Amino acid sequence: MCMEQLFANKTLDANQAIRHKKVQDLLVDTHQSSEAVDIGRAAFKTTLNLLSNTIFSVDLANPNSDTAINGL
């Protein structure tokens, strides 16, 4: 299902704006941070939000928190 629906060329092209926004959000959060950034954690949250936004139209991870939304 994922290969046929979520990762089809047509769908990926349609979701380009979402991917761009999530990368921009990551850059803004990293730039505004006043301390060292755990790039693994930041990349995980960005990827989680990208996938959850693509599938559920909602971000599951708050970039400023260590918790995710408890359910949809």
PDB file of N, CA and C in Angstrom:
ATOM      1  N   MET A   1       0.822  -1.191   0.000  1.00  0.00           N
ATOM      2  CA  MET A   1       0.000   0.000   0.000  1.00  0.00           C
ATOM      3  C   MET A   1       0.869   1.259   0.000  1.00  0.00           C
ATOM      4  N   CYS A   2       1.883   1.292   0.860  1.00  0.00           N
ATOM      5  CA  CYS A   2       2.728   2.492   0.933  1.00  0.00           C
ATOM      6  C   CYS A   2       3.394   2.790  -0.399  1.00  0.00           C
ATOM      7  N   MET A   3       3.935   1.770  -1.025  1.00  0.00           N
ATOM      8  CA  MET A   3       4.626   1.987  -2.297  1.00  0.00           C
ATOM      9  C   MET A   3       3.660   2.443  -3.383  1.00  0.00           C
ATOM     10  N   GLU A   4       2.455   1.905  -3.370  1.00  0.00           N
ATOM     11  CA  GLU A   4       1.485   2.228  -4.413  1.00  0.00           C
ATOM     12  C   GLU A   4       0.796   3.565  -4.182  1.00  0.00           C
ATOM     13  N   GLN A   5       0.578   3.942  -2.940  1.00  0.00           N
ATOM     14  CA  GLN A   5      -0.193   5.152  -2.638  1.00  0.00           C
ATOM     15  C   GLN A   5       0.672   6.311  -2.139  1.00  0.00           C
ATOM     16  N   LEU A   6       1.391   6.092  -1.039  1.00  0.00           N
ATOM     17  CA  LEU A   6       2.121   7.192  -0.399  1.00  0.00           C
ATOM     18  C   LEU A   6       3.388   7.595  -1.135  1.00  0.00           C
ATOM     19  N   PHE A   7       4.061   6.621  -1.735  1.00  0.00           N
ATOM     20  CA  PHE A   7       5.352   6.906  -2.340  1.00  0.00           C
ATOM     21  C   PHE A   7       5.328   6.854  -3.864  1.00  0.00           C
ATOM     22  N   ALA A   8       4.159   6.936  -4.444  1.00  0.00           N
ATOM     23  CA  ALA A   8       4.043   7.021  -5.897  1.00  0.00           C
ATOM     24  C   ALA A   8       4.541   8.394  -6.347  1.00  0.00           C
ATOM     25  N   ASN A   9       5.107   8.473  -7.525  1.00  0.00           N
ATOM     26  CA  ASN A   9       5.659   9.745  -8.024  1.00  0.00           C
ATOM     27  C   ASN A   9       4.645  10.878  -7.971  1.00  0.00           C
ATOM     28  N   LYS A  10       3.421  10.600  -8.349  1.00  0.00           N
ATOM     29  CA  LYS A  10       2.371  11.625  -8.355  1.00  0.00           C
ATOM     30  C   LYS A  10       2.124  12.163  -6.942  1.00  0.00           C
ATOM     31  N   THR A  11       2.069  11.268  -5.968  1.00  0.00           N
ATOM     32  CA  THR A  11       1.833  11.665  -4.580  1.00  0.00           C
ATOM     33  C   THR A  11       3.030  12.431  -4.022  1.00  0.00           C
ATOM     34  N   LEU A  12       4.229  11.955  -4.306  1.00  0.00           N
ATOM     35  CA  LEU A  12       5.423  12.652  -3.833  1.00  0.00           C
ATOM     36  C   LEU A  12       5.506  14.060  -4.410  1.00  0.00           C
ATOM     37  N   ASP A  13       5.178  14.199  -5.673  1.00  0.00           N
ATOM     38  CA  ASP A  13       5.168  15.530  -6.287  1.00  0.00           C
ATOM     39  C   ASP A  13       4.131  16.434  -5.627  1.00  0.00           C
ATOM     40  N   ALA A  14       2.972  15.885  -5.319  1.00  0.00           N
ATOM     41  CA  ALA A  14       1.903  16.664  -4.695  1.00  0.00           C
ATOM     42  C   ALA A  14       2.270  17.090  -3.272  1.00  0.00           C
ATOM     43  N   ASN A  15       3.108  16.303  -2.596  1.00  0.00           N
ATOM     44  CA  ASN A  15       3.475  16.587  -1.204  1.00  0.00           C
ATOM     45  C   ASN A  15       4.798  17.337  -1.073  1.00  0.00           C
ATOM     46  N   GLN A  16       5.319  17.845  -2.149  1.00  0.00           N
ATOM     47  CA  GLN A  16       6.594  18.548  -2.107  1.00  0.00           C
ATOM     48  C   GLN A  16       6.541  19.757  -1.174  1.00  0.00           C
ATOM     49  N   ALA A  17       5.441  20.464  -1.154  1.00  0.00           N
ATOM     50  CA  ALA A  17       5.312  21.644  -0.290  1.00  0.00           C
ATOM     51  C   ALA A  17       5.383  21.256   1.189  1.00  0.00           C
ATOM     52  N   ILE A  18       4.809  20.117   1.547  1.00  0.00           N
ATOM     53  CA  ILE A  18       4.871  19.647   2.937  1.00  0.00           C
ATOM     54  C   ILE A  18       6.317  19.353   3.313  1.00  0.00           C
ATOM     55  N   ARG A  19       7.038  18.656   2.449  1.00  0.00           N
ATOM     56  CA  ARG A  19       8.441  18.338   2.728  1.00  0.00           C
ATOM     57  C   ARG A  19       9.262  19.613   2.885  1.00  0.00           C
ATOM     58  N   HIS A  20       9.036  20.564   2.020  1.00  0.00           N
ATOM     59  CA  HIS A  20       9.763  21.836   2.087  1.00  0.00           C
ATOM     60  C   HIS A  20       9.467  22.560   3.396  1.00  0.00           C
ATOM     61  N   LYS A  21       8.203  22.591   3.809  1.00  0.00           N
ATOM     62  CA  LYS A  21       7.812  23.265   5.055  1.00  0.00           C
ATOM     63  C   LYS A  21       8.458  22.601   6.266  1.00  0.00           C
ATOM     64  N   LYS A  22       8.492  21.270   6.296  1.00  0.00           N
ATOM     65  CA  LYS A  22       9.070  20.565   7.445  1.00  0.00           C
ATOM     66  C   LYS A  22      10.574  20.816   7.541  1.00  0.00           C
ATOM     67  N   VAL A  23      11.263  20.883   6.420  1.00  0.00           N
ATOM     68  CA  VAL A  23      12.694  21.195   6.440  1.00  0.00           C
ATOM     69  C   VAL A  23      12.898  22.639   6.885  1.00  0.00           C
ATOM     70  N   GLN A  24      12.061  23.546   6.411  1.00  0.00           N
ATOM     71  CA  GLN A  24      12.144  24.948   6.847  1.00  0.00           C
ATOM     72  C   GLN A  24      11.901  25.049   8.353  1.00  0.00           C
ATOM     73  N   ASP A  25      10.908  24.314   8.867  1.00  0.00           N
ATOM     74  CA  ASP A  25      10.635  24.305  10.311  1.00  0.00           C
ATOM     75  C   ASP A  25      11.858  23.824  11.084  1.00  0.00           C
ATOM     76  N   LEU A  26      12.508  22.772  10.591  1.00  0.00           N
ATOM     77  CA  LEU A  26      13.715  22.253  11.233  1.00  0.00           C
ATOM     78  C   LEU A  26      14.808  23.317  11.255  1.00  0.00           C
ATOM     79  N   LEU A  27      15.010  23.998  10.145  1.00  0.00           N
ATOM     80  CA  LEU A  27      16.039  25.032  10.079  1.00  0.00           C
ATOM     81  C   LEU A  27      15.738  26.195  11.017  1.00  0.00           C
ATOM     82  N   VAL A  28      14.488  26.616  11.084  1.00  0.00           N
ATOM     83  CA  VAL A  28      14.099  27.709  11.982  1.00  0.00           C
ATOM     84  C   VAL A  28      14.312  27.302  13.439  1.00  0.00           C
ATOM     85  N   ASP A  29      13.856  26.105  13.809  1.00  0.00           N
ATOM     86  CA  ASP A  29      14.019  25.635  15.188  1.00  0.00           C
ATOM     87  C   ASP A  29      15.491  25.515  15.561  1.00  0.00           C
ATOM     88  N   THR A  30      16.308  25.021  14.641  1.00  0.00           N
ATOM     89  CA  THR A  30      17.741  24.887  14.891  1.00  0.00           C
ATOM     90  C   THR A  30      18.389  26.261  15.030  1.00  0.00           C
ATOM     91  N   HIS A  31      18.007  27.183  14.185  1.00  0.00           N
ATOM     92  CA  HIS A  31      18.569  28.536  14.225  1.00  0.00           C
ATOM     93  C   HIS A  31      18.189  29.262  15.518  1.00  0.00           C
ATOM     94  N   GLN A  32      16.960  29.046  16.001  1.00  0.00           N
ATOM     95  CA  GLN A  32      16.482  29.741  17.195  1.00  0.00           C
ATOM     96  C   GLN A  32      16.977  29.105  18.493  1.00  0.00           C
ATOM     97  N   SER A  33      17.526  27.916  18.414  1.00  0.00           N
ATOM     98  CA  SER A  33      18.006  27.232  19.610  1.00  0.00           C
ATOM     99  C   SER A  33      19.222  27.962  20.168  1.00  0.00           C
ATOM    100  N   SER A  34      19.255  28.089  21.487  1.00  0.00           N
ATOM    101  CA  SER A  34      20.379  28.771  22.121  1.00  0.00           C
ATOM    102  C   SER A  34      21.381  27.775  22.701  1.00  0.00           C
ATOM    103  N   GLU A  35      21.252  26.517  22.322  1.00  0.00           N
ATOM    104  CA  GLU A  35      22.164  25.487  22.822  1.00  0.00           C
ATOM    105  C   GLU A  35      22.437  24.484  21.708  1.00  0.00           C
ATOM    106  N   ALA A  36      23.305  23.538  22.006  1.00  0.00           N
ATOM    107  CA  ALA A  36      23.640  22.504  21.021  1.00  0.00           C
ATOM    108  C   ALA A  36      22.388  21.716  20.650  1.00  0.00           C
ATOM    109  N   VAL A  37      22.306  21.320  19.397  1.00  0.00           N
ATOM    110  CA  VAL A  37      21.141  20.599  18.890  1.00  0.00           C
ATOM    111  C   VAL A  37      21.514  19.137  18.685  1.00  0.00           C
ATOM    112  N   ASP A  38      20.712  18.239  19.227  1.00  0.00           N
ATOM    113  CA  ASP A  38      20.872  16.803  18.979  1.00  0.00           C
ATOM    114  C   ASP A  38      20.291  16.532  17.595  1.00  0.00           C
ATOM    115  N   ILE A  39      21.153  16.441  16.599  1.00  0.00           N
ATOM    116  CA  ILE A  39      20.689  16.340  15.220  1.00  0.00           C
ATOM    117  C   ILE A  39      19.906  15.049  14.978  1.00  0.00           C
ATOM    118  N   GLY A  40      20.243  13.982  15.686  1.00  0.00           N
ATOM    119  CA  GLY A  40      19.488  12.735  15.551  1.00  0.00           C
ATOM    120  C   GLY A  40      18.048  12.904  16.005  1.00  0.00           C
ATOM    121  N   ARG A  41      17.867  13.546  17.146  1.00  0.00           N
ATOM    122  CA  ARG A  41      16.521  13.800  17.675  1.00  0.00           C
ATOM    123  C   ARG A  41      15.754  14.763  16.767  1.00  0.00           C
ATOM    124  N   ALA A  42      16.425  15.804  16.309  1.00  0.00           N
ATOM    125  CA  ALA A  42      15.773  16.779  15.427  1.00  0.00           C
ATOM    126  C   ALA A  42      15.369  16.133  14.106  1.00  0.00           C
ATOM    127  N   ALA A  43      16.241  15.304  13.557  1.00  0.00           N
ATOM    128  CA  ALA A  43      15.923  14.620  12.296  1.00  0.00           C
ATOM    129  C   ALA A  43      14.777  13.636  12.486  1.00  0.00           C
ATOM    130  N   PHE A  44      14.759  12.932  13.629  1.00  0.00           N
ATOM    131  CA  PHE A  44      13.673  11.992  13.903  1.00  0.00           C
ATOM    132  C   PHE A  44      12.338  12.722  13.993  1.00  0.00           C
ATOM    133  N   LYS A  45      12.300  13.826  14.739  1.00  0.00           N
ATOM    134  CA  LYS A  45      11.053  14.586  14.878  1.00  0.00           C
ATOM    135  C   LYS A  45      10.589  15.147  13.540  1.00  0.00           C
ATOM    136  N   THR A  46      11.532  15.621  12.740  1.00  0.00           N
ATOM    137  CA  THR A  46      11.173  16.146  11.421  1.00  0.00           C
ATOM    138  C   THR A  46      10.600  15.047  10.547  1.00  0.00           C
ATOM    139  N   THR A  47      11.236  13.883  10.551  1.00  0.00           N
ATOM    140  CA  THR A  47      10.750  12.755   9.753  1.00  0.00           C
ATOM    141  C   THR A  47       9.397  12.276  10.248  1.00  0.00           C
ATOM    142  N   LEU A  48       9.231  12.177  11.570  1.00  0.00           N
ATOM    143  CA  LEU A  48       7.948  11.767  12.139  1.00  0.00           C
ATOM    144  C   LEU A  48       6.846  12.737  11.727  1.00  0.00           C
ATOM    145  N   ASN A  49       7.113  14.028  11.828  1.00  0.00           N
ATOM    146  CA  ASN A  49       6.106  15.022  11.449  1.00  0.00           C
ATOM    147  C   ASN A  49       5.823  15.015   9.956  1.00  0.00           C
ATOM    148  N   LEU A  50       6.840  14.784   9.166  1.00  0.00           N
ATOM    149  CA  LEU A  50       6.632  14.707   7.721  1.00  0.00           C
ATOM    150  C   LEU A  50       5.714  13.541   7.370  1.00  0.00           C
ATOM    151  N   LEU A  51       6.007  12.361   7.918  1.00  0.00           N
ATOM    152  CA  LEU A  51       5.173  11.191   7.628  1.00  0.00           C
ATOM    153  C   LEU A  51       3.777  11.325   8.224  1.00  0.00           C
ATOM    154  N   SER A  52       3.686  11.785   9.476  1.00  0.00           N
ATOM    155  CA  SER A  52       2.366  11.900  10.103  1.00  0.00           C
ATOM    156  C   SER A  52       1.517  12.962   9.409  1.00  0.00           C
ATOM    157  N   ASN A  53       2.154  14.031   8.954  1.00  0.00           N
ATOM    158  CA  ASN A  53       1.406  15.067   8.244  1.00  0.00           C
ATOM    159  C   ASN A  53       0.944  14.568   6.889  1.00  0.00           C
ATOM    160  N   THR A  54       1.751  13.757   6.236  1.00  0.00           N
ATOM    161  CA  THR A  54       1.371  13.177   4.949  1.00  0.00           C
ATOM    162  C   THR A  54       0.211  12.204   5.112  1.00  0.00           C
ATOM    163  N   ILE A  55       0.250  11.386   6.164  1.00  0.00           N
ATOM    164  CA  ILE A  55      -0.760  10.340   6.355  1.00  0.00           C
ATOM    165  C   ILE A  55      -1.994  10.859   7.084  1.00  0.00           C
ATOM    166  N   PHE A  56      -1.796  11.601   8.195  1.00  0.00           N
ATOM    167  CA  PHE A  56      -2.906  12.005   9.063  1.00  0.00           C
ATOM    168  C   PHE A  56      -3.220  13.500   9.016  1.00  0.00           C
ATOM    169  N   SER A  57      -2.430  14.285   8.317  1.00  0.00           N
ATOM    170  CA  SER A  57      -2.576  15.749   8.242  1.00  0.00           C
ATOM    171  C   SER A  57      -2.411  16.420   9.596  1.00  0.00           C
ATOM    172  N   VAL A  58      -1.538  15.862  10.426  1.00  0.00           N
ATOM    173  CA  VAL A  58      -1.265  16.445  11.737  1.00  0.00           C
ATOM    174  C   VAL A  58       0.179  16.121  12.128  1.00  0.00           C
ATOM    175  N   ASP A  59       0.836  17.049  12.837  1.00  0.00           N
ATOM    176  CA  ASP A  59       2.169  16.791  13.371  1.00  0.00           C
ATOM    177  C   ASP A  59       2.031  16.006  14.664  1.00  0.00           C
ATOM    178  N   LEU A  60       2.799  14.930  14.806  1.00  0.00           N
ATOM    179  CA  LEU A  60       2.746  14.136  16.029  1.00  0.00           C
ATOM    180  C   LEU A  60       3.809  14.541  17.038  1.00  0.00           C
ATOM    181  N   ALA A  61       4.869  15.182  16.593  1.00  0.00           N
ATOM    182  CA  ALA A  61       5.947  15.577  17.501  1.00  0.00           C
ATOM    183  C   ALA A  61       6.073  17.091  17.528  1.00  0.00           C
ATOM    184  N   ASN A  62       6.137  17.637  18.732  1.00  0.00           N
ATOM    185  CA  ASN A  62       6.380  19.064  18.908  1.00  0.00           C
ATOM    186  C   ASN A  62       7.892  19.271  18.877  1.00  0.00           C
ATOM    187  N   PRO A  63       8.403  20.100  17.988  1.00  0.00           N
ATOM    188  CA  PRO A  63       9.852  20.281  17.908  1.00  0.00           C
ATOM    189  C   PRO A  63      10.459  20.877  19.174  1.00  0.00           C
ATOM    190  N   ASN A  64       9.651  21.522  19.998  1.00  0.00           N
ATOM    191  CA  ASN A  64      10.148  22.144  21.228  1.00  0.00           C
ATOM    192  C   ASN A  64       9.924  21.282  22.459  1.00  0.00           C
ATOM    193  N   SER A  65       9.539  20.034  22.264  1.00  0.00           N
ATOM    194  CA  SER A  65       9.223  19.157  23.379  1.00  0.00           C
ATOM    195  C   SER A  65       9.772  17.765  23.113  1.00  0.00           C
ATOM    196  N   ASP A  66       9.901  16.968  24.168  1.00  0.00           N
ATOM    197  CA  ASP A  66      10.339  15.582  24.022  1.00  0.00           C
ATOM    198  C   ASP A  66       9.165  14.627  23.957  1.00  0.00           C
ATOM    199  N   THR A  67       7.943  15.144  23.897  1.00  0.00           N
ATOM    200  CA  THR A  67       6.773  14.280  23.858  1.00  0.00           C
ATOM    201  C   THR A  67       6.060  14.409  22.524  1.00  0.00           C
ATOM    202  N   ALA A  68       5.303  13.379  22.206  1.00  0.00           N
ATOM    203  CA  ALA A  68       4.475  13.389  20.996  1.00  0.00           C
ATOM    204  C   ALA A  68       3.019  13.421  21.430  1.00  0.00           C
ATOM    205  N   ILE A  69       2.146  13.741  20.511  1.00  0.00           N
ATOM    206  CA  ILE A  69       0.715  13.760  20.800  1.00  0.00           C
ATOM    207  C   ILE A  69       0.273  12.369  21.224  1.00  0.00           C
ATOM    208  N   ASN A  70      -0.528  12.293  22.281  1.00  0.00           N
ATOM    209  CA  ASN A  70      -1.002  11.006  22.795  1.00  0.00           C
ATOM    210  C   ASN A  70      -2.270  10.582  22.095  1.00  0.00           C
ATOM    211  N   GLY A  71      -2.147  10.149  20.866  1.00  0.00           N
ATOM    212  CA  GLY A  71      -3.309   9.653  20.135  1.00  0.00           C
ATOM    213  C   GLY A  71      -3.797  10.656  19.122  1.00  0.00           C
ATOM    214  N   LEU A  72      -4.625  10.166  18.266  1.00  0.00           N
ATOM    215  CA  LEU A  72      -5.196  11.016  17.227  1.00  0.00           C
ATOM    216  C   LEU A  72      -6.602  11.249  17.587  1.00  0.00           C
TER     217      LEU A  72
END
